[in-house]
Amino acid sequence: MLVANVTRALDIGSGSGLIALMLARQRGWHLSFRTDVSDNETRPPNRMLLALSPQAGEQLLDCMTIRWPDQQYSEAHCSLTRNFYLFR
């Protein structure tokens, strides 16, 4: 069975995210969604989340901040990780 979407966190700073995307394209995968992730509002994104699909289609781009200035996790981060934590 072919998996329709694969999501993976990749490091932007090292270029591994862009390299992974290039390798995925060479193997027939297409970018369907990309989220650039930053630690807080004052820092540039340093990782990305990619959703890949075997079919070409519309590409959606987004950005997400992990923590607010008060060091609380953002709602976007909590929503993304909620199912992976026992307590929150």
N, C-alpha and C. Protein backbone atom coordinates (compact mmCIF):
# COMPACT_ATOMS: atom_id res chain seq x y z
N MET A 1 0.85 -1.18 0.00
CA MET A 1 0.00 0.00 0.00
C MET A 1 0.89 1.24 0.00
N LEU A 2 0.60 2.18 -0.88
CA LEU A 2 1.37 3.40 -1.00
C LEU A 2 0.85 4.43 -0.01
N VAL A 3 1.75 5.03 0.75
CA VAL A 3 1.36 6.06 1.71
C VAL A 3 1.15 7.36 0.95
N ALA A 4 -0.01 7.99 1.12
CA ALA A 4 -0.35 9.19 0.37
C ALA A 4 0.41 10.41 0.84
N ASN A 5 0.64 10.56 2.12
CA ASN A 5 1.34 11.74 2.64
C ASN A 5 2.37 11.31 3.66
N VAL A 6 3.52 11.94 3.60
CA VAL A 6 4.60 11.69 4.54
C VAL A 6 5.02 13.04 5.10
N THR A 7 5.08 13.18 6.44
CA THR A 7 5.48 14.43 7.05
C THR A 7 6.74 14.20 7.85
N ARG A 8 7.67 15.14 7.75
CA ARG A 8 8.95 15.00 8.43
C ARG A 8 9.49 16.37 8.78
N ALA A 9 10.03 16.53 9.99
CA ALA A 9 10.67 17.78 10.38
C ALA A 9 12.09 17.79 9.85
N LEU A 10 12.46 18.86 9.18
CA LEU A 10 13.78 18.96 8.59
C LEU A 10 14.42 20.29 8.96
N ASP A 11 15.73 20.28 9.10
CA ASP A 11 16.50 21.45 9.48
C ASP A 11 16.74 22.33 8.26
N ILE A 12 16.30 23.60 8.33
CA ILE A 12 16.49 24.53 7.23
C ILE A 12 17.94 25.02 7.19
N GLY A 13 18.49 25.35 8.36
CA GLY A 13 19.82 25.94 8.44
C GLY A 13 20.91 25.11 7.78
N SER A 14 20.86 23.82 7.93
CA SER A 14 21.89 22.96 7.35
C SER A 14 21.62 22.66 5.88
N GLY A 15 20.47 23.02 5.39
CA GLY A 15 20.12 22.73 4.01
C GLY A 15 19.55 21.34 3.82
N SER A 16 19.49 20.54 4.88
CA SER A 16 19.01 19.16 4.74
C SER A 16 17.55 19.12 4.29
N GLY A 17 16.76 20.11 4.68
CA GLY A 17 15.36 20.15 4.26
C GLY A 17 15.23 20.30 2.75
N LEU A 18 16.03 21.20 2.19
CA LEU A 18 15.99 21.42 0.75
C LEU A 18 16.57 20.23 -0.01
N ILE A 19 17.60 19.62 0.56
CA ILE A 19 18.18 18.41 -0.05
C ILE A 19 17.16 17.28 -0.03
N ALA A 20 16.47 17.10 1.10
CA ALA A 20 15.45 16.05 1.19
C ALA A 20 14.34 16.29 0.18
N LEU A 21 13.95 17.54 0.00
CA LEU A 21 12.90 17.86 -0.97
C LEU A 21 13.37 17.54 -2.39
N MET A 22 14.61 17.86 -2.70
CA MET A 22 15.17 17.56 -4.02
C MET A 22 15.21 16.05 -4.25
N LEU A 23 15.64 15.29 -3.25
CA LEU A 23 15.68 13.82 -3.37
C LEU A 23 14.28 13.24 -3.53
N ALA A 24 13.31 13.80 -2.80
CA ALA A 24 11.93 13.33 -2.92
C ALA A 24 11.42 13.55 -4.34
N ARG A 25 11.71 14.72 -4.91
CA ARG A 25 11.28 15.00 -6.29
C ARG A 25 11.89 14.00 -7.27
N GLN A 26 13.16 13.66 -7.06
CA GLN A 26 13.83 12.69 -7.94
C GLN A 26 13.18 11.32 -7.86
N ARG A 27 12.50 11.03 -6.76
CA ARG A 27 11.85 9.73 -6.58
C ARG A 27 10.35 9.78 -6.87
N GLY A 28 9.89 10.88 -7.45
CA GLY A 28 8.50 10.97 -7.87
C GLY A 28 7.54 11.56 -6.86
N TRP A 29 8.03 12.09 -5.75
CA TRP A 29 7.17 12.72 -4.75
C TRP A 29 7.04 14.20 -5.06
N HIS A 30 5.90 14.77 -4.68
CA HIS A 30 5.61 16.18 -4.94
C HIS A 30 5.27 16.87 -3.63
N LEU A 31 5.75 18.10 -3.49
CA LEU A 31 5.46 18.88 -2.30
C LEU A 31 4.00 19.31 -2.33
N SER A 32 3.26 19.02 -1.26
CA SER A 32 1.88 19.49 -1.18
C SER A 32 1.72 20.53 -0.07
N PHE A 33 2.57 20.47 0.96
CA PHE A 33 2.46 21.43 2.06
C PHE A 33 3.82 21.61 2.71
N ARG A 34 4.16 22.87 3.00
CA ARG A 34 5.41 23.18 3.69
C ARG A 34 5.13 24.20 4.79
N THR A 35 5.59 23.89 6.00
CA THR A 35 5.50 24.82 7.12
C THR A 35 6.90 25.12 7.62
N ASP A 36 7.29 26.39 7.58
CA ASP A 36 8.57 26.82 8.14
C ASP A 36 8.35 27.09 9.62
N VAL A 37 9.21 26.53 10.47
CA VAL A 37 9.02 26.59 11.92
C VAL A 37 10.15 27.39 12.56
N SER A 38 9.77 28.33 13.43
CA SER A 38 10.76 29.09 14.20
C SER A 38 10.53 28.85 15.69
N ASP A 39 11.61 28.95 16.46
CA ASP A 39 11.52 28.74 17.90
C ASP A 39 10.66 29.80 18.58
N ASN A 40 10.82 31.07 18.16
CA ASN A 40 10.01 32.16 18.69
C ASN A 40 9.86 33.23 17.62
N GLU A 41 9.10 34.28 17.92
CA GLU A 41 8.79 35.30 16.92
C GLU A 41 10.01 36.10 16.47
N THR A 42 11.05 36.15 17.28
CA THR A 42 12.22 36.97 16.95
C THR A 42 13.27 36.22 16.15
N ARG A 43 13.13 34.93 16.01
CA ARG A 43 14.13 34.13 15.29
C ARG A 43 13.59 33.71 13.92
N PRO A 44 14.49 33.60 12.95
CA PRO A 44 14.05 33.10 11.64
C PRO A 44 13.75 31.60 11.73
N PRO A 45 12.99 31.08 10.80
CA PRO A 45 12.71 29.63 10.79
C PRO A 45 14.01 28.84 10.71
N ASN A 46 14.07 27.74 11.48
CA ASN A 46 15.26 26.88 11.45
C ASN A 46 14.92 25.42 11.19
N ARG A 47 13.67 25.14 10.86
CA ARG A 47 13.28 23.79 10.46
C ARG A 47 12.00 23.90 9.63
N MET A 48 11.67 22.83 8.96
CA MET A 48 10.44 22.83 8.16
C MET A 48 9.73 21.49 8.29
N LEU A 49 8.43 21.56 8.11
CA LEU A 49 7.61 20.35 8.03
C LEU A 49 7.16 20.23 6.58
N LEU A 50 7.30 19.06 6.02
CA LEU A 50 6.91 18.83 4.63
C LEU A 50 5.85 17.75 4.57
N ALA A 51 4.86 17.97 3.73
CA ALA A 51 3.89 16.92 3.40
C ALA A 51 4.11 16.62 1.92
N LEU A 52 4.41 15.38 1.62
CA LEU A 52 4.70 14.95 0.26
C LEU A 52 3.58 14.05 -0.25
N SER A 53 3.34 14.12 -1.54
CA SER A 53 2.28 13.32 -2.15
C SER A 53 2.80 12.71 -3.45
N PRO A 54 2.31 11.54 -3.82
CA PRO A 54 2.74 10.95 -5.10
C PRO A 54 2.13 11.67 -6.31
N GLN A 55 1.10 12.48 -6.09
CA GLN A 55 0.47 13.24 -7.18
C GLN A 55 0.82 14.72 -7.05
N ALA A 56 1.07 15.37 -8.19
CA ALA A 56 1.29 16.81 -8.20
C ALA A 56 -0.02 17.52 -7.92
N GLY A 57 0.05 18.66 -7.28
CA GLY A 57 -1.14 19.44 -6.97
C GLY A 57 -0.75 20.79 -6.42
N GLU A 58 -1.73 21.46 -5.84
CA GLU A 58 -1.48 22.77 -5.26
C GLU A 58 -0.50 22.66 -4.09
N GLN A 59 0.40 23.62 -4.00
CA GLN A 59 1.37 23.66 -2.91
C GLN A 59 0.96 24.74 -1.91
N LEU A 60 0.82 24.37 -0.66
CA LEU A 60 0.46 25.31 0.39
C LEU A 60 1.69 25.60 1.25
N LEU A 61 1.91 26.87 1.54
CA LEU A 61 3.04 27.30 2.37
C LEU A 61 2.51 27.98 3.62
N ASP A 62 3.18 27.73 4.75
CA ASP A 62 2.73 28.28 6.03
C ASP A 62 3.95 28.47 6.92
N CYS A 63 3.79 29.19 8.03
CA CYS A 63 4.85 29.28 9.04
C CYS A 63 4.24 29.10 10.42
N MET A 64 5.06 28.65 11.35
CA MET A 64 4.60 28.37 12.70
C MET A 64 5.68 28.77 13.69
N THR A 65 5.24 29.32 14.82
CA THR A 65 6.13 29.67 15.93
C THR A 65 5.88 28.68 17.06
N ILE A 66 6.94 28.16 17.66
CA ILE A 66 6.78 27.18 18.74
C ILE A 66 6.40 27.85 20.05
N ARG A 67 7.10 28.93 20.42
CA ARG A 67 6.83 29.60 21.71
C ARG A 67 6.56 31.08 21.51
N TRP A 68 5.66 31.60 22.33
CA TRP A 68 5.37 33.03 22.37
C TRP A 68 6.41 33.72 23.24
N PRO A 69 6.45 35.07 23.25
CA PRO A 69 7.44 35.79 24.07
C PRO A 69 7.40 35.43 25.56
N ASP A 70 6.23 35.02 26.07
CA ASP A 70 6.13 34.63 27.48
C ASP A 70 6.57 33.18 27.72
N GLN A 71 7.17 32.55 26.71
CA GLN A 71 7.69 31.18 26.74
C GLN A 71 6.61 30.10 26.80
N GLN A 72 5.36 30.48 26.63
CA GLN A 72 4.28 29.50 26.53
C GLN A 72 4.27 28.95 25.11
N TYR A 73 3.91 27.67 24.98
CA TYR A 73 3.81 27.08 23.66
C TYR A 73 2.65 27.71 22.90
N SER A 74 2.84 27.93 21.61
CA SER A 74 1.78 28.48 20.77
C SER A 74 0.68 27.44 20.56
N GLU A 75 -0.50 27.91 20.23
CA GLU A 75 -1.62 27.00 19.98
C GLU A 75 -1.32 26.10 18.78
N ALA A 76 -0.66 26.65 17.77
CA ALA A 76 -0.30 25.84 16.59
C ALA A 76 0.61 24.68 16.98
N HIS A 77 1.60 24.96 17.82
CA HIS A 77 2.51 23.90 18.28
C HIS A 77 1.76 22.87 19.12
N CYS A 78 0.93 23.34 20.05
CA CYS A 78 0.16 22.42 20.90
C CYS A 78 -0.76 21.54 20.07
N SER A 79 -1.40 22.14 19.08
CA SER A 79 -2.31 21.38 18.22
C SER A 79 -1.56 20.29 17.45
N LEU A 80 -0.36 20.62 16.98
CA LEU A 80 0.43 19.67 16.21
C LEU A 80 0.96 18.52 17.06
N THR A 81 1.32 18.80 18.31
CA THR A 81 1.99 17.80 19.15
C THR A 81 1.11 17.18 20.22
N ARG A 82 -0.11 17.64 20.36
CA ARG A 82 -1.00 17.21 21.44
C ARG A 82 -1.12 15.69 21.57
N ASN A 83 -1.26 14.99 20.49
CA ASN A 83 -1.46 13.54 20.54
C ASN A 83 -0.19 12.75 20.90
N PHE A 84 0.94 13.43 20.99
CA PHE A 84 2.20 12.76 21.29
C PHE A 84 2.62 12.90 22.75
N TYR A 85 1.86 13.67 23.54
CA TYR A 85 2.20 13.87 24.94
C TYR A 85 1.11 13.29 25.83
N LEU A 86 1.51 12.67 26.94
CA LEU A 86 0.53 12.12 27.87
C LEU A 86 -0.11 13.21 28.70
N PHE A 87 0.67 14.21 29.08
CA PHE A 87 0.15 15.28 29.94
C PHE A 87 0.43 16.62 29.28
N ARG A 88 -0.54 17.48 29.34
CA ARG A 88 -0.35 18.84 28.85
C ARG A 88 -1.47 19.69 29.34
